[in-house]
């Protein structure tokens, strides 16, 4: 059973990484480390696909957290 959780955890982590990278709006790799020009700029309202991607990222992070707990409990027990 731990193998299934581990595989699901790997797939979820790849999807989570992809969704986070897609959220950095064309600022390049500098935006991922906080070196973008708009670091601390004006807050803008999320609309359309940005809003959907934001909620997908939150959902994936929750699934990642739950899968991590299940993996640890299945290996330890």
N, C-alpha and C. Protein backbone atom coordinates (compact mmCIF):
# COMPACT_ATOMS: atom_id res chain seq x y z
N UNK A 1 0.82 -1.20 0.00
CA UNK A 1 0.00 0.00 0.00
C UNK A 1 0.86 1.27 0.00
N UNK A 2 2.01 1.18 0.65
CA UNK A 2 2.90 2.34 0.70
C UNK A 2 3.41 2.71 -0.68
N UNK A 3 3.54 1.71 -1.57
CA UNK A 3 4.00 2.00 -2.93
C UNK A 3 2.99 2.85 -3.69
N UNK A 4 1.71 2.58 -3.51
CA UNK A 4 0.67 3.36 -4.17
C UNK A 4 0.68 4.81 -3.68
N UNK A 5 0.86 4.99 -2.38
CA UNK A 5 0.92 6.34 -1.84
C UNK A 5 2.16 7.07 -2.35
N UNK A 6 3.27 6.36 -2.45
CA UNK A 6 4.49 6.99 -2.94
C UNK A 6 4.36 7.42 -4.40
N UNK A 7 3.75 6.58 -5.22
CA UNK A 7 3.56 6.93 -6.62
C UNK A 7 2.61 8.12 -6.75
N UNK A 8 1.53 8.11 -5.98
CA UNK A 8 0.59 9.23 -5.99
C UNK A 8 1.25 10.51 -5.50
N UNK A 9 2.14 10.38 -4.53
CA UNK A 9 2.85 11.54 -3.99
C UNK A 9 3.79 12.13 -5.04
N UNK A 10 4.46 11.29 -5.80
CA UNK A 10 5.36 11.77 -6.85
C UNK A 10 4.57 12.50 -7.94
N UNK A 11 3.45 11.91 -8.36
CA UNK A 11 2.62 12.54 -9.40
C UNK A 11 2.06 13.88 -8.91
N UNK A 12 1.60 13.91 -7.67
CA UNK A 12 1.06 15.14 -7.10
C UNK A 12 2.12 16.22 -6.98
N UNK A 13 3.33 15.83 -6.58
CA UNK A 13 4.39 16.82 -6.43
C UNK A 13 4.80 17.41 -7.77
N UNK A 14 4.83 16.58 -8.82
CA UNK A 14 5.15 17.11 -10.16
C UNK A 14 4.07 18.08 -10.62
N UNK A 15 2.81 17.73 -10.40
CA UNK A 15 1.71 18.62 -10.78
C UNK A 15 1.74 19.91 -9.97
N UNK A 16 2.10 19.82 -8.70
CA UNK A 16 2.19 21.01 -7.86
C UNK A 16 3.32 21.93 -8.32
N UNK A 17 4.45 21.36 -8.65
CA UNK A 17 5.57 22.15 -9.16
C UNK A 17 5.18 22.85 -10.46
N UNK A 18 4.51 22.11 -11.35
CA UNK A 18 4.09 22.69 -12.63
C UNK A 18 3.10 23.84 -12.42
N UNK A 19 2.16 23.68 -11.50
CA UNK A 19 1.18 24.74 -11.28
C UNK A 19 1.81 25.97 -10.66
N UNK A 20 2.82 25.79 -9.83
CA UNK A 20 3.51 26.94 -9.23
C UNK A 20 4.33 27.67 -10.29
N UNK A 21 5.00 26.92 -11.16
CA UNK A 21 5.79 27.56 -12.22
C UNK A 21 4.89 28.30 -13.19
N UNK A 22 3.72 27.75 -13.50
CA UNK A 22 2.79 28.42 -14.42
C UNK A 22 2.23 29.71 -13.83
N UNK A 23 2.25 29.84 -12.52
CA UNK A 23 1.70 31.06 -11.90
C UNK A 23 2.65 32.24 -11.99
N UNK A 24 3.94 31.99 -12.16
CA UNK A 24 4.86 33.12 -12.30
C UNK A 24 4.69 33.68 -13.71
N UNK A 25 4.05 34.80 -13.82
CA UNK A 25 3.55 35.35 -15.08
C UNK A 25 4.67 35.90 -15.96
N UNK A 26 5.39 35.03 -16.61
CA UNK A 26 6.36 35.47 -17.61
C UNK A 26 7.51 36.30 -17.08
N UNK A 27 7.83 36.21 -15.80
CA UNK A 27 8.95 36.97 -15.27
C UNK A 27 10.25 36.19 -15.36
N UNK A 28 10.20 34.99 -15.90
CA UNK A 28 11.41 34.20 -16.04
C UNK A 28 11.76 33.50 -14.75
N UNK A 29 12.94 32.91 -14.73
CA UNK A 29 13.35 32.16 -13.55
C UNK A 29 13.68 33.07 -12.37
N UNK A 30 13.93 34.33 -12.62
CA UNK A 30 14.19 35.27 -11.54
C UNK A 30 12.98 35.48 -10.66
N UNK A 31 11.79 35.33 -11.22
CA UNK A 31 10.57 35.50 -10.44
C UNK A 31 10.34 34.37 -9.47
N UNK A 32 10.89 33.20 -9.77
CA UNK A 32 10.73 32.06 -8.87
C UNK A 32 11.52 32.23 -7.58
N UNK A 33 12.63 32.95 -7.66
CA UNK A 33 13.47 33.14 -6.48
C UNK A 33 13.20 34.47 -5.79
N UNK A 34 12.26 35.24 -6.29
CA UNK A 34 11.94 36.52 -5.67
C UNK A 34 12.71 37.67 -6.28
N UNK A 35 13.42 37.46 -7.35
CA UNK A 35 14.23 38.51 -7.94
C UNK A 35 13.54 39.24 -9.07
N UNK A 36 12.24 39.08 -9.20
CA UNK A 36 11.52 39.75 -10.29
C UNK A 36 11.40 41.23 -10.04
N UNK A 37 11.10 41.98 -11.09
CA UNK A 37 10.97 43.42 -10.95
C UNK A 37 9.72 43.82 -10.19
N UNK A 38 8.71 42.95 -10.20
CA UNK A 38 7.46 43.31 -9.54
C UNK A 38 7.32 42.70 -8.15
N UNK A 39 8.42 42.35 -7.52
CA UNK A 39 8.36 41.79 -6.17
C UNK A 39 7.95 42.90 -5.20
N UNK A 40 6.76 42.86 -4.72
CA UNK A 40 6.26 43.91 -3.84
C UNK A 40 5.47 44.96 -4.59
N UNK A 41 5.00 44.61 -5.76
CA UNK A 41 4.23 45.55 -6.56
C UNK A 41 2.79 45.64 -6.09
N UNK A 42 1.95 46.14 -6.94
CA UNK A 42 0.54 46.34 -6.62
C UNK A 42 -0.21 45.02 -6.73
N UNK A 43 -1.10 44.76 -5.81
CA UNK A 43 -1.92 43.55 -5.84
C UNK A 43 -2.96 43.67 -6.94
N UNK A 44 -3.08 42.62 -7.73
CA UNK A 44 -4.10 42.61 -8.78
C UNK A 44 -5.07 41.47 -8.54
N UNK A 45 -6.30 41.66 -8.97
CA UNK A 45 -7.35 40.66 -8.82
C UNK A 45 -7.11 39.52 -9.80
N UNK A 46 -7.22 38.28 -9.32
CA UNK A 46 -7.09 37.12 -10.20
C UNK A 46 -8.39 36.91 -10.95
N UNK A 47 -8.27 36.69 -12.25
CA UNK A 47 -9.46 36.48 -13.07
C UNK A 47 -9.20 35.36 -14.05
N UNK A 48 -10.24 34.69 -14.43
CA UNK A 48 -10.15 33.67 -15.48
C UNK A 48 -9.27 32.50 -15.10
N UNK A 49 -8.33 32.21 -15.99
CA UNK A 49 -7.48 31.05 -15.81
C UNK A 49 -6.53 31.21 -14.63
N UNK A 50 -6.15 32.45 -14.31
CA UNK A 50 -5.28 32.68 -13.15
C UNK A 50 -5.98 32.25 -11.86
N UNK A 51 -7.26 32.54 -11.77
CA UNK A 51 -8.03 32.18 -10.57
C UNK A 51 -8.17 30.66 -10.46
N UNK A 52 -8.43 30.01 -11.61
CA UNK A 52 -8.56 28.56 -11.63
C UNK A 52 -7.23 27.91 -11.25
N UNK A 53 -6.14 28.42 -11.81
CA UNK A 53 -4.82 27.87 -11.50
C UNK A 53 -4.46 28.08 -10.03
N UNK A 54 -4.87 29.20 -9.47
CA UNK A 54 -4.65 29.47 -8.05
C UNK A 54 -5.35 28.44 -7.17
N UNK A 55 -6.62 28.13 -7.50
CA UNK A 55 -7.38 27.15 -6.71
C UNK A 55 -6.87 25.74 -6.95
N UNK A 56 -6.41 25.44 -8.15
CA UNK A 56 -5.81 24.12 -8.42
C UNK A 56 -4.55 23.94 -7.58
N UNK A 57 -3.75 24.99 -7.47
CA UNK A 57 -2.53 24.92 -6.66
C UNK A 57 -2.85 24.68 -5.19
N UNK A 58 -3.88 25.35 -4.69
CA UNK A 58 -4.28 25.13 -3.30
C UNK A 58 -4.77 23.69 -3.10
N UNK A 59 -5.58 23.20 -4.03
CA UNK A 59 -6.07 21.83 -3.95
C UNK A 59 -4.94 20.81 -4.01
N UNK A 60 -3.99 21.03 -4.91
CA UNK A 60 -2.85 20.11 -5.01
C UNK A 60 -2.00 20.13 -3.75
N UNK A 61 -1.86 21.29 -3.13
CA UNK A 61 -1.07 21.35 -1.91
C UNK A 61 -1.76 20.60 -0.76
N UNK A 62 -3.09 20.67 -0.72
CA UNK A 62 -3.83 19.93 0.31
C UNK A 62 -3.70 18.43 0.06
N UNK A 63 -3.84 18.01 -1.20
CA UNK A 63 -3.69 16.59 -1.54
C UNK A 63 -2.27 16.11 -1.23
N UNK A 64 -1.27 16.95 -1.52
CA UNK A 64 0.12 16.62 -1.22
C UNK A 64 0.33 16.41 0.27
N UNK A 65 -0.25 17.29 1.08
CA UNK A 65 -0.11 17.18 2.53
C UNK A 65 -0.76 15.90 3.06
N UNK A 66 -1.96 15.60 2.57
CA UNK A 66 -2.66 14.39 3.02
C UNK A 66 -1.92 13.14 2.59
N UNK A 67 -1.44 13.12 1.34
CA UNK A 67 -0.69 11.95 0.86
C UNK A 67 0.61 11.76 1.64
N UNK A 68 1.24 12.87 2.01
CA UNK A 68 2.46 12.76 2.82
C UNK A 68 2.17 12.12 4.17
N UNK A 69 1.09 12.56 4.81
CA UNK A 69 0.71 11.96 6.09
C UNK A 69 0.37 10.48 5.95
N UNK A 70 -0.38 10.13 4.90
CA UNK A 70 -0.75 8.72 4.68
C UNK A 70 0.48 7.86 4.38
N UNK A 71 1.42 8.40 3.63
CA UNK A 71 2.64 7.66 3.31
C UNK A 71 3.46 7.40 4.57
N UNK A 72 3.59 8.42 5.41
CA UNK A 72 4.36 8.26 6.65
C UNK A 72 3.67 7.27 7.58
N UNK A 73 2.34 7.33 7.67
CA UNK A 73 1.63 6.41 8.55
C UNK A 73 1.68 4.97 8.02
N UNK A 74 1.66 4.79 6.72
CA UNK A 74 1.69 3.43 6.16
C UNK A 74 3.08 2.82 6.25
N UNK A 75 4.12 3.63 6.18
CA UNK A 75 5.49 3.10 6.31
C UNK A 75 5.79 2.81 7.78
N UNK A 76 5.34 3.70 8.66
CA UNK A 76 5.65 3.54 10.08
C UNK A 76 4.81 2.46 10.75
N UNK A 77 3.68 2.13 10.19
CA UNK A 77 2.77 1.23 10.89
C UNK A 77 2.60 -0.05 10.29
